Amino acid sequence: MNKQEDIYKDEFIKKLMKDVELEEPSEGFTNKVMDDVMQDWLAKPIEVKQTRSRKQWLGIIGLIVVLAIILLGTDVRTLVSDLEHPFFTQLDKLFLTPINQLLNGVFVSLSKVPVIVYIVVVAMASLAAFDKIMNKYIHFR
């Protein structure tokens, strides 16, 4: 068949197509299809899986805070340095003393920060939490 040749010039096809009328969809066809698509989409919500749950993150943060309080509050370094075992002596020199000095330095530098900085940080965290709660509330209505 030649590309330039029109397929509707064939007499047989003309006879078949002569009596065929184009069908029109009903008035609400598009709306019905869109509603069906929306219902399918809502029935299968997209789930985003977090690598760690909120409880796990809170546990990790809590553990870090407890360790910091133990290292600063009870001064584990002095308890361990009193023991006369070589392992505890090395542990004190290599691990506990640097951590204690680092945490003390962090808390001293944090105490020098102006109060307005803490107020701004708390306000920003509050706004972020409020935004997240409102977004959840709006999307579940």
Protein backbone atom coordinates (compact mmCIF):
# COMPACT_ATOMS: atom_id res chain seq x y z
CA MET A 1 0.00 0.00 0.00
CA ASN A 2 1.29 3.42 -0.86
CA LYS A 3 1.65 5.96 2.01
CA GLN A 4 0.00 8.66 -0.02
CA GLU A 5 -3.01 6.51 -0.71
CA ASP A 6 -5.92 7.38 1.52
CA ILE A 7 -7.39 4.30 3.24
CA TYR A 8 -10.91 5.76 3.09
CA LYS A 9 -10.93 5.62 -0.72
CA ASP A 10 -11.48 1.90 -0.58
CA GLU A 11 -15.10 1.18 -1.47
CA PHE A 12 -15.54 -1.57 1.10
CA ILE A 13 -14.47 0.66 3.96
CA LYS A 14 -16.71 3.44 2.69
CA LYS A 15 -19.70 1.11 2.78
CA LEU A 16 -18.87 -0.01 6.34
CA MET A 17 -18.35 3.48 7.64
CA LYS A 18 -21.36 5.02 5.90
CA ASP A 19 -23.88 3.78 8.47
CA VAL A 20 -21.69 4.21 11.55
CA GLU A 21 -22.40 7.20 13.77
CA LEU A 22 -20.00 8.54 16.35
CA GLU A 23 -21.19 7.95 19.88
CA GLU A 24 -21.27 10.77 22.38
CA PRO A 25 -20.50 10.05 26.04
CA SER A 26 -23.16 10.80 28.58
CA GLU A 27 -23.19 14.21 30.26
CA GLY A 28 -21.61 13.06 33.52
CA PHE A 29 -19.10 10.68 31.95
CA THR A 30 -16.00 12.77 32.63
CA ASN A 31 -17.09 13.57 36.18
CA LYS A 32 -17.85 9.90 36.87
CA VAL A 33 -14.45 8.80 35.59
CA MET A 34 -12.68 11.46 37.63
CA ASP A 35 -14.65 10.47 40.75
CA ASP A 36 -13.70 6.82 40.23
CA VAL A 37 -10.05 7.75 39.83
CA MET A 38 -10.19 9.90 42.98
CA GLN A 39 -11.86 7.10 44.96
CA ASP A 40 -9.16 4.65 43.86
CA TRP A 41 -6.48 7.14 44.81
CA LEU A 42 -8.03 7.78 48.24
CA ALA A 43 -8.53 4.06 48.89
CA LYS A 44 -4.79 3.43 48.46
CA PRO A 45 -2.93 6.23 50.24
CA ILE A 46 0.76 6.65 49.65
CA GLU A 47 2.77 5.51 52.63
CA VAL A 48 6.15 6.98 53.41
CA LYS A 49 8.15 4.65 55.60
CA GLN A 50 10.57 6.26 57.99
CA THR A 51 13.89 4.59 58.63
CA ARG A 52 13.42 5.11 62.37
CA SER A 53 10.18 5.59 64.21
CA ARG A 54 9.48 8.55 66.45
CA LYS A 55 9.80 6.33 69.55
CA GLN A 56 13.24 5.16 68.43
CA TRP A 57 14.43 8.74 67.91
CA LEU A 58 13.09 9.77 71.31
CA GLY A 59 14.87 6.78 72.86
CA ILE A 60 18.16 7.68 71.19
CA ILE A 61 17.90 11.33 72.25
CA GLY A 62 16.94 10.28 75.78
CA LEU A 63 19.92 7.95 75.98
CA ILE A 64 22.27 10.71 74.84
CA VAL A 65 20.82 13.13 77.41
CA VAL A 66 21.10 10.53 80.20
CA LEU A 67 24.70 9.78 79.26
CA ALA A 68 25.53 13.50 79.24
CA ILE A 69 23.91 13.97 82.65
CA ILE A 70 25.75 10.95 84.05
CA LEU A 71 29.08 12.12 82.66
CA LEU A 72 28.59 15.65 83.96
CA GLY A 73 26.52 15.12 87.09
CA THR A 74 28.14 12.14 88.75
CA ASP A 75 31.60 12.79 87.34
CA VAL A 76 32.19 9.19 86.32
CA ARG A 77 35.70 10.20 85.42
CA THR A 78 36.72 10.63 89.07
CA LEU A 79 35.04 7.35 90.04
CA VAL A 80 36.92 5.44 87.33
CA SER A 81 40.23 7.21 87.93
CA ASP A 82 40.23 6.05 91.57
CA LEU A 83 40.34 2.41 90.45
CA GLU A 84 43.87 1.00 90.20
CA HIS A 85 43.35 -1.20 87.17
CA PRO A 86 45.26 -0.36 83.93
CA PHE A 87 42.10 -0.72 81.83
CA PHE A 88 40.27 1.93 83.83
CA THR A 89 43.32 4.21 83.78
CA GLN A 90 43.46 4.04 79.98
CA LEU A 91 39.68 4.44 79.74
CA ASP A 92 39.91 7.58 81.85
CA LYS A 93 42.79 9.05 79.85
CA LEU A 94 41.51 8.21 76.36
CA PHE A 95 37.74 8.44 76.67
CA LEU A 96 36.25 9.94 79.82
CA THR A 97 38.51 12.96 80.33
CA PRO A 98 38.12 14.30 76.75
CA ILE A 99 34.35 13.75 76.81
CA ASN A 100 34.05 15.47 80.18
CA GLN A 101 36.09 18.45 78.99
CA LEU A 102 34.11 18.65 75.75
CA LEU A 103 30.72 18.57 77.48
CA ASN A 104 31.83 21.09 80.10
CA GLY A 105 33.02 23.39 77.31
CA VAL A 106 29.71 23.02 75.46
CA PHE A 107 27.64 23.82 78.54
CA VAL A 108 29.84 26.80 79.45
CA SER A 109 29.53 28.21 75.93
CA LEU A 110 25.75 27.60 75.94
CA SER A 111 25.44 29.54 79.18
CA LYS A 112 27.02 32.58 77.47
CA VAL A 113 24.43 32.68 74.66
CA PRO A 114 21.86 35.49 75.07
CA VAL A 115 18.39 34.51 76.25
CA ILE A 116 16.77 35.83 73.07
CA VAL A 117 18.44 33.04 71.10
CA TYR A 118 16.73 30.42 73.26
CA ILE A 119 13.41 32.24 72.90
CA VAL A 120 13.76 32.31 69.10
CA VAL A 121 14.69 28.61 68.96
CA VAL A 122 11.72 27.63 71.14
CA ALA A 123 9.39 29.83 69.07
CA MET A 124 10.60 28.32 65.79
CA ALA A 125 10.24 24.77 67.13
CA SER A 126 6.73 25.62 68.38
CA LEU A 127 5.73 27.04 65.00
CA ALA A 128 7.11 23.98 63.20
CA ALA A 129 5.19 21.65 65.53
CA PHE A 130 2.01 23.72 65.15
CA ASP A 131 2.37 23.66 61.34
CA LYS A 132 2.82 19.89 61.32
CA ILE A 133 -0.21 19.35 63.56
CA MET A 134 -2.39 21.67 61.47
CA ASN A 135 -1.30 20.01 58.20
CA LYS A 136 -2.26 16.61 59.60
CA TYR A 137 -5.58 17.98 60.83
CA ILE A 138 -6.39 19.61 57.48
CA HIS A 139 -5.47 16.57 55.39
CA PHE A 140 -7.51 14.14 57.49
CA ARG A 141 -10.75 16.15 57.28
